[in-house]
């Protein structure tokens, strides 16, 4: 292949990575005890190559969920029970057998405790 053709192919493959064909479906929003933040639990569908998943992001109370993967946790093959603790932290109880891809200990100054 010549360089021009390779450059065009590279450009198209990068352009495909920039646009998002994913859709977030919100399942639960819980506002923090102080009313400033919320945790949003959702699934993210990126087409046939992705399975059923559970994700969560901690964001400002009035913020809209960004079109991206969760900033707190990401897992599949299970569900989670999410709640705010009295101290302002978050408790996440993950169903046994879930496959965990991301499990942040804190987001934006909010501590997150996980139990499986």
C-alpha atoms as a PDB file:
ATOM      1  CA  UNK A   1       0.000   0.000   0.000  1.00  0.00           C
ATOM      2  CA  UNK A   2       1.157   3.475  -0.634  1.00  0.00           C
ATOM      3  CA  UNK A   3       1.547   6.136   2.055  1.00  0.00           C
ATOM      4  CA  UNK A   4      -1.493   8.171   0.995  1.00  0.00           C
ATOM      5  CA  UNK A   5      -3.803   5.166   1.268  1.00  0.00           C
ATOM      6  CA  UNK A   6      -2.349   4.210   4.659  1.00  0.00           C
ATOM      7  CA  UNK A   7      -2.820   7.788   5.874  1.00  0.00           C
ATOM      8  CA  UNK A   8      -6.482   7.795   4.790  1.00  0.00           C
ATOM      9  CA  UNK A   9      -7.130   4.445   6.492  1.00  0.00           C
ATOM     10  CA  UNK A  10      -5.475   5.671   9.683  1.00  0.00           C
ATOM     11  CA  UNK A  11      -7.535   8.867   9.615  1.00  0.00           C
ATOM     12  CA  UNK A  12     -10.810   6.936   9.259  1.00  0.00           C
ATOM     13  CA  UNK A  13      -9.931   4.526  12.063  1.00  0.00           C
ATOM     14  CA  UNK A  14      -9.050   7.409  14.380  1.00  0.00           C
ATOM     15  CA  UNK A  15     -12.249   9.238  13.477  1.00  0.00           C
ATOM     16  CA  UNK A  16     -14.211   6.162  14.501  1.00  0.00           C
ATOM     17  CA  UNK A  17     -12.570   6.278  17.926  1.00  0.00           C
ATOM     18  CA  UNK A  18     -13.431   9.937  18.443  1.00  0.00           C
ATOM     19  CA  UNK A  19     -17.177   9.641  17.975  1.00  0.00           C
ATOM     20  CA  UNK A  20     -19.206   7.773  20.566  1.00  0.00           C
ATOM     21  CA  UNK A  21     -21.662   5.131  19.437  1.00  0.00           C
ATOM     22  CA  UNK A  22     -22.335   4.268  23.063  1.00  0.00           C
ATOM     23  CA  UNK A  23     -25.539   4.943  24.972  1.00  0.00           C
ATOM     24  CA  UNK A  24     -25.828   5.276  28.743  1.00  0.00           C
ATOM     25  CA  UNK A  25     -29.062   4.040  30.337  1.00  0.00           C
ATOM     26  CA  UNK A  26     -29.532   5.456  33.841  1.00  0.00           C
ATOM     27  CA  UNK A  27     -30.905   3.024  36.429  1.00  0.00           C
ATOM     28  CA  UNK A  28     -30.543   5.000  39.640  1.00  0.00           C
ATOM     29  CA  UNK A  29     -29.523   8.451  40.894  1.00  0.00           C
ATOM     30  CA  UNK A  30     -28.839   9.003  44.581  1.00  0.00           C
ATOM     31  CA  UNK A  31     -28.149  12.486  45.970  1.00  0.00           C
ATOM     32  CA  UNK A  32     -25.554  12.760  48.731  1.00  0.00           C
ATOM     33  CA  UNK A  33     -26.611  13.558  52.314  1.00  0.00           C
ATOM     34  CA  UNK A  34     -25.211  17.105  51.983  1.00  0.00           C
ATOM     35  CA  UNK A  35     -27.086  17.612  48.680  1.00  0.00           C
ATOM     36  CA  UNK A  36     -23.994  18.595  46.660  1.00  0.00           C
ATOM     37  CA  UNK A  37     -23.160  15.388  44.761  1.00  0.00           C
ATOM     38  CA  UNK A  38     -24.942  12.374  43.351  1.00  0.00           C
ATOM     39  CA  UNK A  39     -23.967   8.903  42.281  1.00  0.00           C
ATOM     40  CA  UNK A  40     -25.497   7.731  39.021  1.00  0.00           C
ATOM     41  CA  UNK A  41     -25.731   3.988  38.383  1.00  0.00           C
ATOM     42  CA  UNK A  42     -26.132   3.092  34.715  1.00  0.00           C
ATOM     43  CA  UNK A  43     -25.398   0.593  31.995  1.00  0.00           C
ATOM     44  CA  UNK A  44     -23.385   1.549  28.927  1.00  0.00           C
ATOM     45  CA  UNK A  45     -24.228  -0.053  25.594  1.00  0.00           C
ATOM     46  CA  UNK A  46     -21.571   0.264  22.906  1.00  0.00           C
ATOM     47  CA  UNK A  47     -23.113  -2.154  20.417  1.00  0.00           C
ATOM     48  CA  UNK A  48     -22.799  -5.832  19.754  1.00  0.00           C
ATOM     49  CA  UNK A  49     -19.266  -6.050  21.143  1.00  0.00           C
ATOM     50  CA  UNK A  50     -20.316  -5.167  24.699  1.00  0.00           C
ATOM     51  CA  UNK A  51     -22.268  -7.217  27.173  1.00  0.00           C
ATOM     52  CA  UNK A  52     -24.576  -6.238  29.989  1.00  0.00           C
ATOM     53  CA  UNK A  53     -22.661  -4.065  32.434  1.00  0.00           C
ATOM     54  CA  UNK A  54     -23.116  -1.915  35.518  1.00  0.00           C
ATOM     55  CA  UNK A  55     -21.257   1.362  35.943  1.00  0.00           C
ATOM     56  CA  UNK A  56     -21.422   4.395  38.209  1.00  0.00           C
ATOM     57  CA  UNK A  57     -20.186   7.970  38.227  1.00  0.00           C
ATOM     58  CA  UNK A  58     -20.003  10.490  41.043  1.00  0.00           C
ATOM     59  CA  UNK A  59     -20.923  13.935  39.698  1.00  0.00           C
ATOM     60  CA  UNK A  60     -22.340  17.256  40.910  1.00  0.00           C
ATOM     61  CA  UNK A  61     -26.009  17.182  41.916  1.00  0.00           C
ATOM     62  CA  UNK A  62     -27.119  19.301  38.938  1.00  0.00           C
ATOM     63  CA  UNK A  63     -24.624  17.846  36.441  1.00  0.00           C
ATOM     64  CA  UNK A  64     -25.700  15.673  33.548  1.00  0.00           C
ATOM     65  CA  UNK A  65     -24.141  12.225  33.212  1.00  0.00           C
ATOM     66  CA  UNK A  66     -21.233  12.522  30.735  1.00  0.00           C
ATOM     67  CA  UNK A  67     -21.183  10.320  27.637  1.00  0.00           C
ATOM     68  CA  UNK A  68     -18.343   8.165  28.929  1.00  0.00           C
ATOM     69  CA  UNK A  69     -17.614   5.169  31.101  1.00  0.00           C
ATOM     70  CA  UNK A  70     -18.231   5.376  34.837  1.00  0.00           C
ATOM     71  CA  UNK A  71     -15.656   7.183  36.972  1.00  0.00           C
ATOM     72  CA  UNK A  72     -16.374   5.136  40.132  1.00  0.00           C
ATOM     73  CA  UNK A  73     -16.819   1.528  39.044  1.00  0.00           C
ATOM     74  CA  UNK A  74     -17.355  -0.690  36.005  1.00  0.00           C
ATOM     75  CA  UNK A  75     -18.238  -4.378  36.078  1.00  0.00           C
ATOM     76  CA  UNK A  76     -20.346  -6.958  34.316  1.00  0.00           C
ATOM     77  CA  UNK A  77     -22.085 -10.260  35.095  1.00  0.00           C
ATOM     78  CA  UNK A  78     -23.851  -8.922  38.166  1.00  0.00           C
ATOM     79  CA  UNK A  79     -25.593  -6.032  39.822  1.00  0.00           C
ATOM     80  CA  UNK A  80     -24.868  -3.717  42.750  1.00  0.00           C
ATOM     81  CA  UNK A  81     -26.681  -2.107  45.645  1.00  0.00           C
ATOM     82  CA  UNK A  82     -25.461   1.474  46.080  1.00  0.00           C
ATOM     83  CA  UNK A  83     -26.121   3.753  49.050  1.00  0.00           C
ATOM     84  CA  UNK A  84     -24.753   6.850  50.718  1.00  0.00           C
ATOM     85  CA  UNK A  85     -23.282   6.365  54.179  1.00  0.00           C
ATOM     86  CA  UNK A  86     -23.945   8.833  57.020  1.00  0.00           C
ATOM     87  CA  UNK A  87     -20.342  10.076  56.812  1.00  0.00           C
ATOM     88  CA  UNK A  88     -20.867  11.133  53.162  1.00  0.00           C
ATOM     89  CA  UNK A  89     -19.083   8.142  51.650  1.00  0.00           C
ATOM     90  CA  UNK A  90     -20.617   5.591  49.316  1.00  0.00           C
ATOM     91  CA  UNK A  91     -21.192   1.896  50.000  1.00  0.00           C
ATOM     92  CA  UNK A  92     -21.317  -0.452  46.992  1.00  0.00           C
ATOM     93  CA  UNK A  93     -22.353  -4.069  47.520  1.00  0.00           C
ATOM     94  CA  UNK A  94     -21.432  -6.026  44.385  1.00  0.00           C
ATOM     95  CA  UNK A  95     -23.226  -9.253  43.548  1.00  0.00           C
ATOM     96  CA  UNK A  96     -21.095 -12.369  43.896  1.00  0.00           C
ATOM     97  CA  UNK A  97     -19.592 -13.502  40.598  1.00  0.00           C
ATOM     98  CA  UNK A  98     -19.378 -10.039  39.041  1.00  0.00           C
ATOM     99  CA  UNK A  99     -16.344  -9.398  36.856  1.00  0.00           C
ATOM    100  CA  UNK A 100     -14.807  -6.106  38.015  1.00  0.00           C
ATOM    101  CA  UNK A 101     -12.961  -3.867  35.531  1.00  0.00           C
ATOM    102  CA  UNK A 102     -12.722  -0.668  37.581  1.00  0.00           C
ATOM    103  CA  UNK A 103     -13.190  -0.015  41.294  1.00  0.00           C
ATOM    104  CA  UNK A 104     -11.993   3.420  42.438  1.00  0.00           C
ATOM    105  CA  UNK A 105     -11.460   3.955  46.193  1.00  0.00           C
ATOM    106  CA  UNK A 106     -12.592   7.579  45.881  1.00  0.00           C
ATOM    107  CA  UNK A 107     -13.881  10.058  43.315  1.00  0.00           C
ATOM    108  CA  UNK A 108     -13.870  13.831  43.759  1.00  0.00           C
ATOM    109  CA  UNK A 109     -13.096  13.543  47.473  1.00  0.00           C
ATOM    110  CA  UNK A 110     -15.907  11.036  48.089  1.00  0.00           C
ATOM    111  CA  UNK A 111     -14.696   7.732  49.565  1.00  0.00           C
ATOM    112  CA  UNK A 112     -16.163   4.528  48.131  1.00  0.00           C
ATOM    113  CA  UNK A 113     -16.315   1.273  50.096  1.00  0.00           C
ATOM    114  CA  UNK A 114     -16.877  -1.987  48.232  1.00  0.00           C
ATOM    115  CA  UNK A 115     -18.267  -5.238  49.574  1.00  0.00           C
ATOM    116  CA  UNK A 116     -18.639  -8.395  47.542  1.00  0.00           C
END
